[in-house]
Protein backbone atom coordinates (compact mmCIF):
# COMPACT_ATOMS: atom_id res chain seq x y z
CA MET A 1 -5.13 -28.13 -41.40
CA ARG A 2 -6.20 -24.24 -40.79
CA LYS A 3 -4.88 -22.21 -39.89
CA PHE A 4 -5.16 -18.86 -37.65
CA SER A 5 -4.61 -15.45 -38.56
CA PRO A 6 -1.85 -13.86 -35.38
CA VAL A 7 -4.51 -11.47 -33.72
CA THR A 8 -6.30 -13.88 -32.94
CA VAL A 9 -3.50 -16.39 -31.75
CA CYS A 10 -3.14 -13.53 -29.30
CA PHE A 11 -6.64 -13.88 -28.13
CA PHE A 12 -6.50 -17.24 -27.64
CA LEU A 13 -2.90 -16.87 -26.30
CA CYS A 14 -4.28 -13.72 -23.74
CA SER A 15 -7.49 -15.21 -22.78
CA PHE A 16 -5.01 -18.62 -21.87
CA LEU A 17 -3.20 -16.46 -19.71
CA PHE A 18 -6.15 -14.53 -18.57
CA CYS A 19 -8.01 -18.11 -17.01
CA ALA A 20 -4.36 -19.35 -15.81
CA CYS A 21 -3.19 -16.64 -14.10
CA GLY A 22 -6.03 -14.81 -13.29
CA LEU A 23 -6.29 -11.29 -11.96
CA GLU A 24 -4.84 -9.86 -8.22
CA THR A 25 -8.08 -8.61 -6.55
CA LEU A 26 -8.81 -5.52 -5.64
CA TYR A 27 -9.92 -4.47 -1.71
CA TYR A 28 -11.85 -0.54 -1.83
CA LEU A 29 -11.29 1.14 1.88
CA ASP A 30 -13.00 3.96 2.61
CA GLU A 31 -10.83 6.24 4.45
CA PRO A 32 -11.11 8.49 7.58
CA ARG A 33 -13.08 12.02 6.89
CA VAL A 34 -11.10 15.00 9.02
CA LYS A 35 -13.05 16.66 10.96
CA HIS A 36 -10.25 18.73 12.59
CA ARG A 37 -6.93 19.64 11.56
CA PRO A 38 -4.65 21.22 13.26
CA GLU A 39 -1.77 23.43 11.71
CA ILE A 40 1.77 24.81 13.57
CA GLY A 41 1.31 27.99 14.31
CA GLU A 42 -2.45 28.34 15.63
CA ASP A 43 -3.21 28.36 19.26
CA ILE A 44 -2.66 25.66 21.71
CA GLN A 45 -6.80 25.14 22.44
CA ARG A 46 -5.74 24.16 18.49
CA ASN A 47 -3.66 21.22 18.84
CA TYR A 48 -5.92 18.60 18.91
CA PHE A 49 -6.74 16.11 16.10
CA GLU A 50 -10.67 14.96 15.48
CA PHE A 51 -11.64 13.04 12.93
CA GLN A 52 -14.28 9.86 11.32
CA THR A 53 -12.99 6.95 10.34
CA GLY A 54 -14.30 5.24 6.89
CA ASN A 55 -17.18 3.81 6.48
CA ASN A 56 -16.01 -0.34 5.76
CA SER A 57 -19.15 -2.77 6.86
CA GLU A 58 -18.78 -4.64 3.77
CA TYR A 59 -15.99 -5.96 5.10
CA GLU A 60 -17.08 -7.29 8.55
CA GLY A 61 -18.51 -11.00 9.16
CA SER A 62 -16.69 -14.14 9.24
CA GLY A 63 -17.71 -14.35 5.35
CA SER A 64 -15.70 -12.26 3.66
CA GLU A 65 -12.20 -12.81 2.30
CA PHE A 66 -11.22 -9.92 3.56
CA THR A 67 -10.58 -9.26 7.25
CA LEU A 68 -10.13 -5.50 8.62
CA TYR A 69 -7.89 -3.70 10.77
CA GLY A 70 -9.01 -0.57 11.80
CA THR A 71 -7.48 3.01 11.30
CA GLU A 72 -3.75 3.23 11.88
CA ILE A 73 -2.56 6.84 13.36
CA TYR A 74 1.10 6.97 12.70
CA TYR A 75 3.73 10.13 13.98
CA MET A 76 6.77 11.10 13.06
CA ILE A 77 8.38 14.17 15.65
CA PHE A 78 10.89 16.46 14.11
CA ALA A 79 12.84 18.55 15.20
CA ASN A 80 12.50 22.36 12.96
CA GLU A 81 9.37 23.18 11.65
CA PHE A 82 10.98 23.33 8.21
CA ASP A 83 11.90 19.48 7.82
CA CYS A 84 7.97 18.67 8.87
CA GLU A 85 6.05 20.75 6.27
CA SER A 86 8.40 19.15 3.75
CA SER A 87 8.07 15.56 5.04
CA SER A 88 3.85 15.92 5.19
CA SER A 89 3.94 17.80 1.22
CA SER A 90 5.99 14.57 0.11
CA ILE A 91 4.01 12.00 1.34
CA GLN A 92 0.63 14.18 0.11
CA ASN A 93 2.06 14.20 -2.73
CA SER A 94 2.38 10.17 -3.47
CA ASN A 95 -1.33 9.85 -2.80
CA SER A 96 -1.83 8.36 -6.38
CA SER A 97 -6.13 7.59 -8.15
CA SER A 98 -4.62 4.75 -9.52
CA ASP A 99 -3.20 3.11 -6.39
CA VAL A 100 -5.20 3.84 -3.46
CA SER A 101 -1.87 2.42 -0.67
CA ALA A 102 0.73 4.04 -2.65
CA ALA A 103 0.95 6.92 0.39
CA ALA A 104 0.05 4.79 3.77
CA ASN A 105 2.51 2.08 2.64
CA TYR A 106 5.57 5.65 2.09
CA ILE A 107 4.41 6.93 5.43
CA ILE A 108 5.46 3.16 6.95
CA ASN A 109 8.18 1.46 4.47
CA THR A 110 10.27 5.07 3.36
CA LYS A 111 9.51 7.75 5.39
CA LYS A 112 9.28 4.96 8.71
CA TYR A 113 6.90 7.53 9.99
CA MET A 114 5.11 5.62 13.57
CA PRO A 115 2.44 3.94 14.90
CA LEU A 116 0.74 5.56 17.16
CA VAL A 117 0.34 3.60 20.61
CA SER A 118 -1.25 3.70 23.91
CA GLN A 119 -0.62 3.27 27.80
CA GLU A 120 -3.61 0.65 28.09
CA ASN A 121 -4.37 -0.34 25.33
CA SER A 122 -1.33 -3.14 23.29
CA ASP A 123 -3.97 -3.92 20.74
CA ARG A 124 -3.14 -2.14 16.88
CA PRO A 125 -4.36 -0.36 15.03
CA ILE A 126 -5.49 1.62 18.58
CA VAL A 127 -8.53 2.58 16.80
CA LYS A 128 -11.58 -0.35 15.07
CA GLY A 129 -14.83 0.04 14.42
CA ASN A 130 -16.58 1.15 11.22
CA ASP A 131 -17.67 5.64 11.46
CA VAL A 132 -16.70 5.86 14.82
CA SER A 133 -15.44 9.74 16.20
CA VAL A 134 -11.96 9.86 18.14
CA ARG A 135 -10.67 12.84 19.25
CA ILE A 136 -6.83 13.18 20.08
CA ASN A 137 -4.92 15.21 22.30
CA LEU A 138 -1.05 14.65 23.07
CA HIS A 139 -1.48 16.59 25.25
CA LYS A 140 -2.83 18.59 27.99
CA ILE A 141 -4.41 21.41 26.70
CA SER A 142 -5.78 23.14 29.05
CA ASP A 143 -6.83 21.90 32.87
CA ASP A 144 -9.81 20.66 32.11
CA ILE A 145 -8.21 19.13 28.23
CA LEU A 146 -6.14 16.68 29.25
CA GLN A 147 -4.18 14.26 27.33
CA GLY A 148 -6.33 11.40 25.32
CA ILE A 149 -6.88 9.16 22.75
CA TYR A 150 -10.96 9.22 22.47
CA PHE A 151 -13.64 7.08 20.97
CA ASN A 152 -16.26 5.55 21.71
CA GLY A 153 -16.57 6.03 24.95
CA ASN A 154 -13.01 5.40 26.30
CA SER A 155 -9.52 7.39 26.65
CA TYR A 156 -6.08 6.30 26.38
CA HIS A 157 -3.42 8.04 27.11
CA PRO A 158 -1.04 8.49 23.68
CA ARG A 159 2.49 7.53 23.63
CA ARG A 160 5.05 7.15 21.63
CA PHE A 161 6.82 4.33 20.39
CA TYR A 162 9.30 4.90 21.31
CA THR A 163 10.32 3.31 24.75
CA ASN A 164 12.45 3.16 27.20
CA GLY A 165 13.24 -0.24 27.76
CA THR A 166 9.87 -1.06 29.25
CA ARG A 167 8.37 2.39 29.78
CA MET A 168 6.36 4.03 27.75
CA LEU A 169 6.85 7.54 26.47
CA GLY A 170 5.06 10.66 26.16
CA PHE A 171 4.90 13.75 23.95
CA GLU A 172 4.11 15.87 27.13
CA PHE A 173 8.51 16.95 26.73
CA ASN A 174 10.33 17.45 30.05
CA LYS A 175 7.12 17.45 31.92
CA ASP A 176 7.77 19.17 35.38
CA LYS A 177 11.86 18.75 34.60
CA ASN A 178 10.64 15.24 35.07
CA THR A 179 12.93 13.03 31.94
CA ASP A 180 10.91 9.85 33.49
CA ASP A 181 7.81 9.74 31.61
CA ASN A 182 8.03 12.22 28.79
CA PRO A 183 11.81 12.55 28.06
CA LEU A 184 12.83 15.28 25.63
CA PRO A 185 13.13 13.77 21.56
CA GLN A 186 17.24 12.80 20.62
CA LYS A 187 18.38 12.66 17.19
CA SER A 188 18.46 8.69 17.41
CA ASN A 189 15.21 7.87 19.05
CA GLU A 190 13.78 6.20 15.69
CA ASP A 191 10.19 8.58 15.90
CA VAL A 192 12.74 10.92 15.92
CA TYR A 193 13.24 13.31 11.90
CA TRP A 194 16.49 14.19 12.99
CA PRO A 195 19.36 14.37 10.39
CA ASP A 196 23.18 16.23 11.35
CA ALA A 197 22.45 19.11 8.77
CA SER A 198 18.89 20.10 10.30
CA THR A 199 19.06 22.67 12.87
CA HIS A 200 16.72 22.41 16.18
CA SER A 201 13.97 24.85 17.62
CA ASP A 202 14.96 25.54 20.82
CA GLY A 203 12.82 24.18 23.01
CA GLU A 204 10.35 23.78 20.23
CA TRP A 205 8.96 19.82 18.75
CA PHE A 206 7.04 19.64 15.99
CA ILE A 207 4.61 16.81 15.41
CA ASP A 208 3.17 15.57 11.67
CA VAL A 209 0.90 12.90 11.72
CA TRP A 210 -1.09 11.03 9.40
CA ALA A 211 -4.47 7.37 9.39
CA PHE A 212 -5.05 5.61 6.44
CA THR A 213 -7.92 2.03 6.93
CA SER A 214 -6.07 -0.60 6.70
CA GLY A 215 -6.35 -4.59 6.30
CA ARG A 216 -5.65 -8.04 4.63
CA ASP A 217 -6.99 -10.82 2.19
CA ASN A 218 -7.22 -14.47 3.30
CA SER A 219 -3.34 -14.51 1.22
CA TYR A 220 -1.96 -11.47 4.41
CA THR A 221 -1.77 -9.50 1.00
CA PRO A 222 -2.06 -5.83 2.93
CA SER A 223 -4.24 -2.83 1.63
CA TYR A 224 -4.91 0.17 2.79
CA SER A 225 -7.02 3.20 2.17
CA ARG A 226 -5.78 6.27 0.84
CA ALA A 227 -4.13 8.02 4.06
CA VAL A 228 -5.03 11.11 5.52
CA ASN A 229 -3.16 14.52 6.64
CA LEU A 230 -4.35 14.52 10.28
CA GLY A 231 -2.18 17.38 10.98
CA LYS A 232 1.29 19.17 12.45
CA ILE A 233 1.15 20.84 16.02
CA LYS A 234 4.35 22.53 17.41
CA ILE A 235 5.17 21.11 20.50
CA ARG A 236 6.64 23.99 23.13
CA GLU A 237 8.70 22.61 26.00
CA SER A 238 7.23 25.73 27.92
CA TYR A 239 3.73 24.03 27.46
CA PHE A 240 4.88 21.80 31.00
CA ASP A 241 7.38 24.33 33.43
């Protein structure tokens, strides 16, 4: 009877497992590229987000085993600057070279950020296509620069994922003292981070915004690109008096 060495047995066993189980197919998604990233404390004229979507044209077409959704945009409202900066830093630290989806999963499942939606467009995500230039004004910046999500020649009104019944809510908090469409954020809102131990900067709100490419394979397993911070802004209620 022929005998096999332990090394040979190990080789055949590993080969069997490799063939039987196969390897999970990994899909690399090109991430968005930031063109303008606002920071807290800057002039209101710079309170906008601008980026270019990734180029993932290899996944387009009916023959692809991967379905490309588009570019997801997620945000969270904070009651003070410290919590906003701290949360953003923790997400940045979760970006991993070995798992490019780590930060996006962290944003969705751990930090519980919410997807940005619009008044006119019910698509999720809102932005689709490759190498698309996108600009987002969450609020009116001047008489000539109004709130909007702008891309491909279209404009949509940005809205919070949180709704008040059937009414979609905006980011121009307490505008004209009318709280129907733009109410002040509340602790109970799912898109607001305001723990009991945190203080609130009176009349000021802070928003952290991230973007990443998303899609799924034929087994409906989601994949994400590396998450990119689009920036952080401060919104004063006095902007809309």
